[in-house]
Amino acid sequence: QLQFVESGGGLVQPGGSLRLSCQSSGFTLDGYAIAWFRQAPGKEREGVSCISTNQDNTFYTNSVRGRFTISRDNAKNTVYLEMNSLEPEDTAVYYCAAERICRPLTYSASYYDTHFIYWGQGTQVTVSS
């Protein structure tokens, strides 16, 4: 089955750090922009960050800019999300998915569901003391 496998989530205290990984299964990352999304309880899925195919461009939603860093290692078919200074509001299930180009991170969940592919099962991030 062609999909991403997310890992690295867990329980962390406010101010702590986590590094999420997103590894492709059954396909390579070549030619794809990769984005991270998250869905908090009772909320729609939202865009968090995106990295372009050639890694020249990275994008972040306002609430995580300066705290999160996205990167990719095409040789390992893996994309990472380094998350620092975590806040309780970052609690969510984090997913990654692929598109030909990065899209604005302010679009609706239904847009992402339609245009992004290879969705994984997600990894839970809980920020709590």
Foldseek 3Di string as FASTA:
>chain_A
DWAWDKDWADEAAQQAKIKMKIATDPDFLAQKKKWKWWDDPPGFIFTAKIAARVRPDIDGDPVQPPFWDWDDDRVRRMIMIIGGSDDQVPWTFMKMWIANGDDDRPDGNVVCVVGTDRIDPTDTHGYHD
